[in-house]
Structures are given as C-alpha cells and as structure tokens.
Amino acid sequence: LEGAKIQLSNYEKELKYLKGKSQRELISTYFYWERSAAVIV
C-alpha cells in the first residue's frame, strides 16, 4: 500500500508537470539519427 501511494504520488507529479507544458516545451534535445528524427523529452 505504501509503495502504491508513492507510485501514485509520482504519477500525480508527472501529470501536473505535463499539464503545464506543451509537447514542444517538453523536448530538451533534438537529433538527426540514422536518417530519422529523434528527440529527448
């Protein structure tokens, strides 16, 4: 139960962070890799 509470708290923090940002704002690094686009979010 304690583990589940911690996990839920982590998901709530992630959700709050994600809701405050657009997808483009979440991208920290852009790459050209193997003739494809790649990003780190």
PDB file of all heavy atoms in Angstrom:
ATOM      1  N   LEU A   1       0.838  -1.203   0.000  1.00  0.00           N
ATOM      2  CA  LEU A   1       0.000   0.000   0.000  1.00  0.00           C
ATOM      3  C   LEU A   1       0.873   1.253   0.000  1.00  0.00           C
ATOM      4  O   LEU A   1       0.614   2.193  -0.750  1.00  0.00           O
ATOM      5  CB  LEU A   1      -0.942  -0.004   1.205  1.00  0.00           C
ATOM      6  CG  LEU A   1      -1.875   1.191   1.333  1.00  0.00           C
ATOM      7  CD1 LEU A   1      -2.781   1.294   0.119  1.00  0.00           C
ATOM      8  CD2 LEU A   1      -2.701   1.081   2.602  1.00  0.00           C
ATOM      9  N   GLU A   2       1.911   1.259   0.803  1.00  0.00           N
ATOM     10  CA  GLU A   2       2.810   2.408   0.844  1.00  0.00           C
ATOM     11  C   GLU A   2       3.496   2.589  -0.511  1.00  0.00           C
ATOM     12  O   GLU A   2       3.624   3.708  -1.007  1.00  0.00           O
ATOM     13  CB  GLU A   2       3.854   2.235   1.954  1.00  0.00           C
ATOM     14  CG  GLU A   2       4.657   3.472   2.224  1.00  0.00           C
ATOM     15  CD  GLU A   2       3.829   4.687   2.631  1.00  0.00           C
ATOM     16  OE1 GLU A   2       2.774   4.525   3.281  1.00  0.00           O
ATOM     17  OE2 GLU A   2       4.220   5.804   2.270  1.00  0.00           O
ATOM     18  N   GLY A   3       3.918   1.485  -1.121  1.00  0.00           N
ATOM     19  CA  GLY A   3       4.524   1.551  -2.451  1.00  0.00           C
ATOM     20  C   GLY A   3       3.558   2.104  -3.479  1.00  0.00           C
ATOM     21  O   GLY A   3       3.934   2.920  -4.327  1.00  0.00           O
ATOM     22  N   ALA A   4       2.306   1.681  -3.409  1.00  0.00           N
ATOM     23  CA  ALA A   4       1.285   2.182  -4.333  1.00  0.00           C
ATOM     24  C   ALA A   4       1.042   3.676  -4.127  1.00  0.00           C
ATOM     25  O   ALA A   4       0.874   4.427  -5.088  1.00  0.00           O
ATOM     26  CB  ALA A   4      -0.012   1.401  -4.162  1.00  0.00           C
ATOM     27  N   LYS A   5       1.052   4.122  -2.873  1.00  0.00           N
ATOM     28  CA  LYS A   5       0.870   5.554  -2.584  1.00  0.00           C
ATOM     29  C   LYS A   5       2.018   6.375  -3.167  1.00  0.00           C
ATOM     30  O   LYS A   5       1.799   7.442  -3.736  1.00  0.00           O
ATOM     31  CB  LYS A   5       0.788   5.787  -1.075  1.00  0.00           C
ATOM     32  CG  LYS A   5      -0.515   5.371  -0.454  1.00  0.00           C
ATOM     33  CD  LYS A   5      -0.480   5.637   1.051  1.00  0.00           C
ATOM     34  CE  LYS A   5      -1.731   5.160   1.748  1.00  0.00           C
ATOM     35  NZ  LYS A   5      -1.651   5.363   3.203  1.00  0.00           N
ATOM     36  N   ILE A   6       3.226   5.876  -3.026  1.00  0.00           N
ATOM     37  CA  ILE A   6       4.395   6.576  -3.573  1.00  0.00           C
ATOM     38  C   ILE A   6       4.300   6.640  -5.089  1.00  0.00           C
ATOM     39  O   ILE A   6       4.530   7.687  -5.698  1.00  0.00           O
ATOM     40  CB  ILE A   6       5.704   5.892  -3.112  1.00  0.00           C
ATOM     41  CG1 ILE A   6       5.903   6.104  -1.610  1.00  0.00           C
ATOM     42  CG2 ILE A   6       6.896   6.388  -3.912  1.00  0.00           C
ATOM     43  CD1 ILE A   6       6.992   5.255  -1.005  1.00  0.00           C
ATOM     44  N   GLN A   7       3.937   5.523  -5.719  1.00  0.00           N
ATOM     45  CA  GLN A   7       3.809   5.481  -7.176  1.00  0.00           C
ATOM     46  C   GLN A   7       2.722   6.441  -7.641  1.00  0.00           C
ATOM     47  O   GLN A   7       2.898   7.172  -8.614  1.00  0.00           O
ATOM     48  CB  GLN A   7       3.501   4.053  -7.654  1.00  0.00           C
ATOM     49  CG  GLN A   7       3.566   3.888  -9.141  1.00  0.00           C
ATOM     50  CD  GLN A   7       4.948   4.138  -9.704  1.00  0.00           C
ATOM     51  OE1 GLN A   7       5.951   3.753  -9.118  1.00  0.00           O
ATOM     52  NE2 GLN A   7       5.026   4.787 -10.839  1.00  0.00           N
ATOM     53  N   LEU A   8       1.603   6.473  -6.943  1.00  0.00           N
ATOM     54  CA  LEU A   8       0.520   7.388  -7.290  1.00  0.00           C
ATOM     55  C   LEU A   8       0.990   8.836  -7.171  1.00  0.00           C
ATOM     56  O   LEU A   8       0.720   9.659  -8.044  1.00  0.00           O
ATOM     57  CB  LEU A   8      -0.690   7.145  -6.381  1.00  0.00           C
ATOM     58  CG  LEU A   8      -1.887   8.061  -6.590  1.00  0.00           C
ATOM     59  CD1 LEU A   8      -2.434   7.927  -8.005  1.00  0.00           C
ATOM     60  CD2 LEU A   8      -2.975   7.755  -5.568  1.00  0.00           C
ATOM     61  N   SER A   9       1.720   9.142  -6.124  1.00  0.00           N
ATOM     62  CA  SER A   9       2.247  10.488  -5.942  1.00  0.00           C
ATOM     63  C   SER A   9       3.174  10.868  -7.092  1.00  0.00           C
ATOM     64  O   SER A   9       3.124  11.990  -7.602  1.00  0.00           O
ATOM     65  CB  SER A   9       2.989  10.574  -4.606  1.00  0.00           C
ATOM     66  OG  SER A   9       3.633  11.808  -4.476  1.00  0.00           O
ATOM     67  N   ASN A  10       4.015   9.920  -7.524  1.00  0.00           N
ATOM     68  CA  ASN A  10       4.906  10.181  -8.653  1.00  0.00           C
ATOM     69  C   ASN A  10       4.110  10.454  -9.927  1.00  0.00           C
ATOM     70  O   ASN A  10       4.430  11.368 -10.685  1.00  0.00           O
ATOM     71  CB  ASN A  10       5.864   9.010  -8.874  1.00  0.00           C
ATOM     72  CG  ASN A  10       6.900   8.908  -7.779  1.00  0.00           C
ATOM     73  OD1 ASN A  10       7.174   9.876  -7.073  1.00  0.00           O
ATOM     74  ND2 ASN A  10       7.478   7.734  -7.626  1.00  0.00           N
ATOM     75  N   TYR A  11       3.056   9.650 -10.171  1.00  0.00           N
ATOM     76  CA  TYR A  11       2.226   9.861 -11.360  1.00  0.00           C
ATOM     77  C   TYR A  11       1.515  11.213 -11.297  1.00  0.00           C
ATOM     78  O   TYR A  11       1.390  11.902 -12.303  1.00  0.00           O
ATOM     79  CB  TYR A  11       1.185   8.751 -11.512  1.00  0.00           C
ATOM     80  CG  TYR A  11       1.749   7.446 -12.008  1.00  0.00           C
ATOM     81  CD1 TYR A  11       1.349   6.245 -11.454  1.00  0.00           C
ATOM     82  CD2 TYR A  11       2.687   7.401 -13.039  1.00  0.00           C
ATOM     83  CE1 TYR A  11       1.863   5.034 -11.908  1.00  0.00           C
ATOM     84  CE2 TYR A  11       3.206   6.200 -13.488  1.00  0.00           C
ATOM     85  CZ  TYR A  11       2.787   5.025 -12.922  1.00  0.00           C
ATOM     86  OH  TYR A  11       3.291   3.834 -13.381  1.00  0.00           O
ATOM     87  N   GLU A  12       1.063  11.595 -10.112  1.00  0.00           N
ATOM     88  CA  GLU A  12       0.390  12.892  -9.972  1.00  0.00           C
ATOM     89  C   GLU A  12       1.359  14.041 -10.260  1.00  0.00           C
ATOM     90  O   GLU A  12       0.996  15.014 -10.906  1.00  0.00           O
ATOM     91  CB  GLU A  12      -0.213  13.029  -8.569  1.00  0.00           C
ATOM     92  CG  GLU A  12      -1.442  12.172  -8.378  1.00  0.00           C
ATOM     93  CD  GLU A  12      -1.925  12.106  -6.938  1.00  0.00           C
ATOM     94  OE1 GLU A  12      -1.143  12.401  -6.007  1.00  0.00           O
ATOM     95  OE2 GLU A  12      -3.107  11.751  -6.752  1.00  0.00           O
ATOM     96  N   LYS A  13       2.617  13.917  -9.791  1.00  0.00           N
ATOM     97  CA  LYS A  13       3.624  14.938 -10.070  1.00  0.00           C
ATOM     98  C   LYS A  13       3.894  15.026 -11.568  1.00  0.00           C
ATOM     99  O   LYS A  13       3.997  16.117 -12.133  1.00  0.00           O
ATOM    100  CB  LYS A  13       4.929  14.619  -9.346  1.00  0.00           C
ATOM    101  CG  LYS A  13       4.899  14.873  -7.870  1.00  0.00           C
ATOM    102  CD  LYS A  13       6.225  14.462  -7.238  1.00  0.00           C
ATOM    103  CE  LYS A  13       6.129  14.449  -5.731  1.00  0.00           C
ATOM    104  NZ  LYS A  13       7.316  13.868  -5.106  1.00  0.00           N
ATOM    105  N   GLU A  14       4.016  13.856 -12.226  1.00  0.00           N
ATOM    106  CA  GLU A  14       4.253  13.840 -13.663  1.00  0.00           C
ATOM    107  C   GLU A  14       3.089  14.489 -14.411  1.00  0.00           C
ATOM    108  O   GLU A  14       3.299  15.283 -15.323  1.00  0.00           O
ATOM    109  CB  GLU A  14       4.448  12.405 -14.163  1.00  0.00           C
ATOM    110  CG  GLU A  14       5.757  11.799 -13.737  1.00  0.00           C
ATOM    111  CD  GLU A  14       5.901  10.347 -14.161  1.00  0.00           C
ATOM    112  OE1 GLU A  14       5.192   9.906 -15.086  1.00  0.00           O
ATOM    113  OE2 GLU A  14       6.751   9.655 -13.568  1.00  0.00           O
ATOM    114  N   LEU A  15       1.872  14.153 -14.009  1.00  0.00           N
ATOM    115  CA  LEU A  15       0.693  14.704 -14.668  1.00  0.00           C
ATOM    116  C   LEU A  15       0.646  16.214 -14.510  1.00  0.00           C
ATOM    117  O   LEU A  15       0.403  16.947 -15.477  1.00  0.00           O
ATOM    118  CB  LEU A  15      -0.576  14.070 -14.100  1.00  0.00           C
ATOM    119  CG  LEU A  15      -1.893  14.527 -14.699  1.00  0.00           C
ATOM    120  CD1 LEU A  15      -1.948  14.211 -16.189  1.00  0.00           C
ATOM    121  CD2 LEU A  15      -3.055  13.884 -13.980  1.00  0.00           C
ATOM    122  N   LYS A  16       0.913  16.705 -13.316  1.00  0.00           N
ATOM    123  CA  LYS A  16       0.907  18.144 -13.072  1.00  0.00           C
ATOM    124  C   LYS A  16       1.960  18.834 -13.932  1.00  0.00           C
ATOM    125  O   LYS A  16       1.710  19.877 -14.533  1.00  0.00           O
ATOM    126  CB  LYS A  16       1.166  18.419 -11.587  1.00  0.00           C
ATOM    127  CG  LYS A  16       1.108  19.884 -11.216  1.00  0.00           C
ATOM    128  CD  LYS A  16       1.320  20.081  -9.731  1.00  0.00           C
ATOM    129  CE  LYS A  16       1.300  21.555  -9.376  1.00  0.00           C
ATOM    130  NZ  LYS A  16       1.586  21.778  -7.974  1.00  0.00           N
ATOM    131  N   TYR A  17       3.143  18.250 -14.015  1.00  0.00           N
ATOM    132  CA  TYR A  17       4.213  18.822 -14.825  1.00  0.00           C
ATOM    133  C   TYR A  17       3.815  18.825 -16.305  1.00  0.00           C
ATOM    134  O   TYR A  17       3.973  19.830 -16.991  1.00  0.00           O
ATOM    135  CB  TYR A  17       5.498  18.022 -14.615  1.00  0.00           C
ATOM    136  CG  TYR A  17       6.688  18.558 -15.371  1.00  0.00           C
ATOM    137  CD1 TYR A  17       7.391  19.662 -14.895  1.00  0.00           C
ATOM    138  CD2 TYR A  17       7.118  17.965 -16.553  1.00  0.00           C
ATOM    139  CE1 TYR A  17       8.484  20.158 -15.572  1.00  0.00           C
ATOM    140  CE2 TYR A  17       8.221  18.456 -17.237  1.00  0.00           C
ATOM    141  CZ  TYR A  17       8.894  19.549 -16.740  1.00  0.00           C
ATOM    142  OH  TYR A  17       9.981  20.038 -17.428  1.00  0.00           O
ATOM    143  N   LEU A  18       3.287  17.691 -16.781  1.00  0.00           N
ATOM    144  CA  LEU A  18       2.911  17.580 -18.195  1.00  0.00           C
ATOM    145  C   LEU A  18       1.778  18.530 -18.560  1.00  0.00           C
ATOM    146  O   LEU A  18       1.778  19.106 -19.649  1.00  0.00           O
ATOM    147  CB  LEU A  18       2.505  16.142 -18.537  1.00  0.00           C
ATOM    148  CG  LEU A  18       3.634  15.116 -18.557  1.00  0.00           C
ATOM    149  CD1 LEU A  18       3.072  13.721 -18.718  1.00  0.00           C
ATOM    150  CD2 LEU A  18       4.631  15.427 -19.655  1.00  0.00           C
ATOM    151  N   LYS A  19       0.806  18.707 -17.671  1.00  0.00           N
ATOM    152  CA  LYS A  19      -0.323  19.587 -17.954  1.00  0.00           C
ATOM    153  C   LYS A  19       0.117  21.032 -18.120  1.00  0.00           C
ATOM    154  O   LYS A  19      -0.502  21.790 -18.837  1.00  0.00           O
ATOM    155  CB  LYS A  19      -1.386  19.492 -16.859  1.00  0.00           C
ATOM    156  CG  LYS A  19      -2.256  18.271 -16.977  1.00  0.00           C
ATOM    157  CD  LYS A  19      -3.335  18.304 -15.914  1.00  0.00           C
ATOM    158  CE  LYS A  19      -4.297  17.142 -16.089  1.00  0.00           C
ATOM    159  NZ  LYS A  19      -5.342  17.159 -15.069  1.00  0.00           N
ATOM    160  N   GLY A  20       1.192  21.398 -17.460  1.00  0.00           N
ATOM    161  CA  GLY A  20       1.659  22.773 -17.525  1.00  0.00           C
ATOM    162  C   GLY A  20       2.539  23.067 -18.729  1.00  0.00           C
ATOM    163  O   GLY A  20       2.974  24.190 -18.919  1.00  0.00           O
ATOM    164  N   LYS A  21       2.790  22.076 -19.569  1.00  0.00           N
ATOM    165  CA  LYS A  21       3.717  22.251 -20.686  1.00  0.00           C
ATOM    166  C   LYS A  21       3.080  21.755 -21.984  1.00  0.00           C
ATOM    167  O   LYS A  21       2.290  20.826 -21.986  1.00  0.00           O
ATOM    168  CB  LYS A  21       4.989  21.423 -20.463  1.00  0.00           C
ATOM    169  CG  LYS A  21       5.719  21.697 -19.190  1.00  0.00           C
ATOM    170  CD  LYS A  21       6.606  22.886 -19.324  1.00  0.00           C
ATOM    171  CE  LYS A  21       7.431  23.086 -18.067  1.00  0.00           C
ATOM    172  NZ  LYS A  21       8.321  24.181 -18.173  1.00  0.00           N
ATOM    173  N   SER A  22       3.463  22.377 -23.094  1.00  0.00           N
ATOM    174  CA  SER A  22       3.081  21.834 -24.396  1.00  0.00           C
ATOM    175  C   SER A  22       4.110  20.775 -24.766  1.00  0.00           C
ATOM    176  O   SER A  22       5.193  20.719 -24.186  1.00  0.00           O
ATOM    177  CB  SER A  22       3.070  22.938 -25.460  1.00  0.00           C
ATOM    178  OG  SER A  22       4.397  23.333 -25.746  1.00  0.00           O
ATOM    179  N   GLN A  23       3.788  19.933 -25.743  1.00  0.00           N
ATOM    180  CA  GLN A  23       4.734  18.898 -26.150  1.00  0.00           C
ATOM    181  C   GLN A  23       6.064  19.497 -26.576  1.00  0.00           C
ATOM    182  O   GLN A  23       7.120  18.991 -26.226  1.00  0.00           O
ATOM    183  CB  GLN A  23       4.145  18.065 -27.294  1.00  0.00           C
ATOM    184  CG  GLN A  23       3.123  17.078 -26.836  1.00  0.00           C
ATOM    185  CD  GLN A  23       2.944  15.937 -27.808  1.00  0.00           C
ATOM    186  OE1 GLN A  23       3.434  15.951 -28.931  1.00  0.00           O
ATOM    187  NE2 GLN A  23       2.228  14.929 -27.379  1.00  0.00           N
ATOM    188  N   ARG A  24       6.012  20.584 -27.296  1.00  0.00           N
ATOM    189  CA  ARG A  24       7.255  21.182 -27.786  1.00  0.00           C
ATOM    190  C   ARG A  24       8.099  21.733 -26.641  1.00  0.00           C
ATOM    191  O   ARG A  24       9.316  21.717 -26.700  1.00  0.00           O
ATOM    192  CB  ARG A  24       6.962  22.261 -28.821  1.00  0.00           C
ATOM    193  CG  ARG A  24       6.551  21.655 -30.146  1.00  0.00           C
ATOM    194  CD  ARG A  24       6.308  22.707 -31.178  1.00  0.00           C
ATOM    195  NE  ARG A  24       4.945  22.509 -31.660  1.00  0.00           N
ATOM    196  CZ  ARG A  24       4.249  23.404 -32.285  1.00  0.00           C
ATOM    197  NH1 ARG A  24       4.728  24.579 -32.541  1.00  0.00           N
ATOM    198  NH2 ARG A  24       3.031  23.126 -32.686  1.00  0.00           N
ATOM    199  N   GLU A  25       7.462  22.198 -25.586  1.00  0.00           N
ATOM    200  CA  GLU A  25       8.211  22.704 -24.429  1.00  0.00           C
ATOM    201  C   GLU A  25       8.898  21.578 -23.659  1.00  0.00           C
ATOM    202  O   GLU A  25       9.884  21.811 -22.968  1.00  0.00           O
ATOM    203  CB  GLU A  25       7.281  23.445 -23.465  1.00  0.00           C
ATOM    204  CG  GLU A  25       6.780  24.770 -23.974  1.00  0.00           C
ATOM    205  CD  GLU A  25       5.797  25.395 -22.998  1.00  0.00           C
ATOM    206  OE1 GLU A  25       4.801  24.724 -22.642  1.00  0.00           O
ATOM    207  OE2 GLU A  25       6.045  26.530 -22.592  1.00  0.00           O
ATOM    208  N   LEU A  26       8.370  20.358 -23.766  1.00  0.00           N
ATOM    209  CA  LEU A  26       8.937  19.224 -23.040  1.00  0.00           C
ATOM    210  C   LEU A  26      10.193  18.669 -23.696  1.00  0.00           C
ATOM    211  O   LEU A  26      10.978  17.971 -23.061  1.00  0.00           O
ATOM    212  CB  LEU A  26       7.901  18.097 -22.921  1.00  0.00           C
ATOM    213  CG  LEU A  26       6.675  18.407 -22.083  1.00  0.00           C
ATOM    214  CD1 LEU A  26       5.636  17.308 -22.236  1.00  0.00           C
ATOM    215  CD2 LEU A  26       7.049  18.582 -20.625  1.00  0.00           C
ATOM    216  N   ILE A  27      10.403  18.969 -24.973  1.00  0.00           N
ATOM    217  CA  ILE A  27      11.554  18.427 -25.688  1.00  0.00           C
ATOM    218  C   ILE A  27      12.805  19.195 -25.272  1.00  0.00           C
ATOM    219  O   ILE A  27      12.865  20.410 -25.385  1.00  0.00           O
ATOM    220  CB  ILE A  27      11.347  18.506 -27.211  1.00  0.00           C
ATOM    221  CG1 ILE A  27      10.132  17.670 -27.607  1.00  0.00           C
ATOM    222  CG2 ILE A  27      12.596  18.018 -27.944  1.00  0.00           C
ATOM    223  CD1 ILE A  27       9.688  17.863 -29.028  1.00  0.00           C
ATOM    224  N   SER A  28      13.786  18.449 -24.783  1.00  0.00           N
ATOM    225  CA  SER A  28      15.025  19.093 -24.338  1.00  0.00           C
ATOM    226  C   SER A  28      16.134  18.978 -25.374  1.00  0.00           C
ATOM    227  O   SER A  28      17.012  19.837 -25.424  1.00  0.00           O
ATOM    228  CB  SER A  28      15.491  18.498 -23.007  1.00  0.00           C
ATOM    229  OG  SER A  28      15.782  17.123 -23.165  1.00  0.00           O
ATOM    230  N   THR A  29      16.120  17.921 -26.192  1.00  0.00           N
ATOM    231  CA  THR A  29      17.200  17.705 -27.144  1.00  0.00           C
ATOM    232  C   THR A  29      16.648  17.122 -28.444  1.00  0.00           C
ATOM    233  O   THR A  29      15.809  16.221 -28.419  1.00  0.00           O
ATOM    234  CB  THR A  29      18.254  16.735 -26.571  1.00  0.00           C
ATOM    235  OG1 THR A  29      18.544  17.105 -25.220  1.00  0.00           O
ATOM    236  CG2 THR A  29      19.543  16.767 -27.359  1.00  0.00           C
ATOM    237  N   TYR A  30      17.151  17.646 -29.544  1.00  0.00           N
ATOM    238  CA  TYR A  30      16.738  17.205 -30.882  1.00  0.00           C
ATOM    239  C   TYR A  30      17.937  16.560 -31.576  1.00  0.00           C
ATOM    240  O   TYR A  30      19.069  17.018 -31.423  1.00  0.00           O
ATOM    241  CB  TYR A  30      16.293  18.403 -31.722  1.00  0.00           C
ATOM    242  CG  TYR A  30      15.096  19.141 -31.181  1.00  0.00           C
ATOM    243  CD1 TYR A  30      15.242  20.124 -30.207  1.00  0.00           C
ATOM    244  CD2 TYR A  30      13.823  18.866 -31.657  1.00  0.00           C
ATOM    245  CE1 TYR A  30      14.144  20.812 -29.716  1.00  0.00           C
ATOM    246  CE2 TYR A  30      12.718  19.549 -31.181  1.00  0.00           C
ATOM    247  CZ  TYR A  30      12.884  20.514 -30.199  1.00  0.00           C
ATOM    248  OH  TYR A  30      11.794  21.187 -29.732  1.00  0.00           O
ATOM    249  N   PHE A  31      17.654  15.498 -32.381  1.00  0.00           N
ATOM    250  CA  PHE A  31      18.722  14.795 -33.094  1.00  0.00           C
ATOM    251  C   PHE A  31      18.307  14.453 -34.520  1.00  0.00           C
ATOM    252  O   PHE A  31      17.124  14.230 -34.815  1.00  0.00           O
ATOM    253  CB  PHE A  31      19.046  13.453 -32.407  1.00  0.00           C
ATOM    254  CG  PHE A  31      19.642  13.583 -31.049  1.00  0.00           C
ATOM    255  CD1 PHE A  31      18.828  13.573 -29.928  1.00  0.00           C
ATOM    256  CD2 PHE A  31      21.008  13.697 -30.869  1.00  0.00           C
ATOM    257  CE1 PHE A  31      19.366  13.677 -28.658  1.00  0.00           C
ATOM    258  CE2 PHE A  31      21.548  13.809 -29.605  1.00  0.00           C
ATOM    259  CZ  PHE A  31      20.735  13.796 -28.501  1.00  0.00           C
ATOM    260  N   TYR A  32      19.325  14.360 -35.368  1.00  0.00           N
ATOM    261  CA  TYR A  32      19.215  13.690 -36.662  1.00  0.00           C
ATOM    262  C   TYR A  32      19.960  12.393 -36.443  1.00  0.00           C
ATOM    263  O   TYR A  32      21.162  12.395 -36.147  1.00  0.00           O
ATOM    264  CB  TYR A  32      19.892  14.534 -37.757  1.00  0.00           C
ATOM    265  CG  TYR A  32      19.843  13.892 -39.113  1.00  0.00           C
ATOM    266  CD1 TYR A  32      18.730  14.046 -39.925  1.00  0.00           C
ATOM    267  CD2 TYR A  32      20.903  13.130 -39.580  1.00  0.00           C
ATOM    268  CE1 TYR A  32      18.672  13.464 -41.184  1.00  0.00           C
ATOM    269  CE2 TYR A  32      20.862  12.531 -40.831  1.00  0.00           C
ATOM    270  CZ  TYR A  32      19.745  12.703 -41.625  1.00  0.00           C
ATOM    271  OH  TYR A  32      19.686  12.117 -42.863  1.00  0.00           O
ATOM    272  N   TRP A  33      19.268  11.264 -36.532  1.00  0.00           N
ATOM    273  CA  TRP A  33      19.874   9.980 -36.196  1.00  0.00           C
ATOM    274  C   TRP A  33      19.388   8.923 -37.187  1.00  0.00           C
ATOM    275  O   TRP A  33      18.181   8.731 -37.352  1.00  0.00           O
ATOM    276  CB  TRP A  33      19.507   9.580 -34.766  1.00  0.00           C
ATOM    277  CG  TRP A  33      20.056   8.264 -34.333  1.00  0.00           C
ATOM    278  CD1 TRP A  33      21.353   7.975 -34.032  1.00  0.00           C
ATOM    279  CD2 TRP A  33      19.329   7.058 -34.140  1.00  0.00           C
ATOM    280  NE1 TRP A  33      21.470   6.655 -33.671  1.00  0.00           N
ATOM    281  CE2 TRP A  33      20.228   6.067 -33.724  1.00  0.00           C
ATOM    282  CE3 TRP A  33      17.987   6.707 -34.290  1.00  0.00           C
ATOM    283  CZ2 TRP A  33      19.856   4.763 -33.448  1.00  0.00           C
ATOM    284  CZ3 TRP A  33      17.608   5.409 -34.012  1.00  0.00           C
ATOM    285  CH2 TRP A  33      18.534   4.449 -33.589  1.00  0.00           C
ATOM    286  N   GLU A  34      20.323   8.267 -37.850  1.00  0.00           N
ATOM    287  CA  GLU A  34      20.019   7.206 -38.820  1.00  0.00           C
ATOM    288  C   GLU A  34      18.917   7.623 -39.796  1.00  0.00           C
ATOM    289  O   GLU A  34      17.925   6.925 -39.984  1.00  0.00           O
ATOM    290  CB  GLU A  34      19.667   5.905 -38.106  1.00  0.00           C
ATOM    291  CG  GLU A  34      20.844   5.302 -37.381  1.00  0.00           C
ATOM    292  CD  GLU A  34      20.591   3.879 -36.919  1.00  0.00           C
ATOM    293  OE1 GLU A  34      19.511   3.316 -37.185  1.00  0.00           O
ATOM    294  OE2 GLU A  34      21.513   3.322 -36.294  1.00  0.00           O
ATOM    295  N   ARG A  35      19.074   8.793 -40.389  1.00  0.00           N
ATOM    296  CA  ARG A  35      18.141   9.346 -41.376  1.00  0.00           C
ATOM    297  C   ARG A  35      16.733   9.547 -40.800  1.00  0.00           C
ATOM    298  O   ARG A  35      15.747   9.526 -41.524  1.00  0.00           O
ATOM    299  CB  ARG A  35      18.102   8.475 -42.640  1.00  0.00           C
ATOM    300  CG  ARG A  35      19.447   8.404 -43.353  1.00  0.00           C
ATOM    301  CD  ARG A  35      19.423   7.576 -44.612  1.00  0.00           C
ATOM    302  NE  ARG A  35      18.926   6.231 -44.469  1.00  0.00           N
ATOM    303  CZ  ARG A  35      19.659   5.180 -44.098  1.00  0.00           C
ATOM    304  NH1 ARG A  35      20.926   5.325 -43.821  1.00  0.00           N
ATOM    305  NH2 ARG A  35      19.128   3.991 -44.007  1.00  0.00           N
ATOM    306  N   SER A  36      16.645   9.689 -39.491  1.00  0.00           N
ATOM    307  CA  SER A  36      15.363   9.893 -38.818  1.00  0.00           C
ATOM    308  C   SER A  36      15.469  11.024 -37.805  1.00  0.00           C
ATOM    309  O   SER A  36      16.561  11.393 -37.388  1.00  0.00           O
ATOM    310  CB  SER A  36      14.928   8.633 -38.064  1.00  0.00           C
ATOM    311  OG  SER A  36      14.589   7.607 -38.944  1.00  0.00           O
ATOM    312  N   ALA A  37      14.318  11.497 -37.407  1.00  0.00           N
ATOM    313  CA  ALA A  37      14.230  12.472 -36.327  1.00  0.00           C
ATOM    314  C   ALA A  37      14.221  11.716 -35.003  1.00  0.00           C
ATOM    315  O   ALA A  37      13.631  10.637 -34.893  1.00  0.00           O
ATOM    316  CB  ALA A  37      12.948  13.285 -36.463  1.00  0.00           C
ATOM    317  N   ALA A  38      14.865  12.290 -34.003  1.00  0.00           N
ATOM    318  CA  ALA A  38      14.846  11.712 -32.659  1.00  0.00           C
ATOM    319  C   ALA A  38      14.834  12.868 -31.663  1.00  0.00           C
ATOM    320  O   ALA A  38      15.419  13.918 -31.916  1.00  0.00           O
ATOM    321  CB  ALA A  38      16.062  10.827 -32.436  1.00  0.00           C
ATOM    322  N   VAL A  39      14.133  12.663 -30.558  1.00  0.00           N
ATOM    323  CA  VAL A  39      14.043  13.704 -29.538  1.00  0.00           C
ATOM    324  C   VAL A  39      14.134  13.086 -28.151  1.00  0.00           C
ATOM    325  O   VAL A  39      13.798  11.920 -27.955  1.00  0.00           O
ATOM    326  CB  VAL A  39      12.719  14.514 -29.635  1.00  0.00           C
ATOM    327  CG1 VAL A  39      12.660  15.301 -30.922  1.00  0.00           C
ATOM    328  CG2 VAL A  39      11.505  13.624 -29.482  1.00  0.00           C
ATOM    329  N   ILE A  40      14.583  13.893 -27.201  1.00  0.00           N
ATOM    330  CA  ILE A  40      14.529  13.516 -25.792  1.00  0.00           C
ATOM    331  C   ILE A  40      13.532  14.452 -25.137  1.00  0.00           C
ATOM    332  O   ILE A  40      13.584  15.669 -25.318  1.00  0.00           O
ATOM    333  CB  ILE A  40      15.904  13.609 -25.123  1.00  0.00           C
ATOM    334  CG1 ILE A  40      16.851  12.574 -25.759  1.00  0.00           C
ATOM    335  CG2 ILE A  40      15.794  13.377 -23.612  1.00  0.00           C
ATOM    336  CD1 ILE A  40      18.259  12.596 -25.226  1.00  0.00           C
ATOM    337  N   VAL A  41      12.603  13.859 -24.397  1.00  0.00           N
ATOM    338  CA  VAL A  41      11.509  14.599 -23.775  1.00  0.00           C
ATOM    339  C   VAL A  41      11.657  14.514 -22.265  1.00  0.00           C
ATOM    340  O   VAL A  41      11.857  13.432 -21.712  1.00  0.00           O
ATOM    341  CB  VAL A  41      10.148  13.978 -24.193  1.00  0.00           C
ATOM    342  CG1 VAL A  41       9.005  14.673 -23.508  1.00  0.00           C
ATOM    343  CG2 VAL A  41       9.988  14.015 -25.699  1.00  0.00           C
TER     344      VAL A  41
END
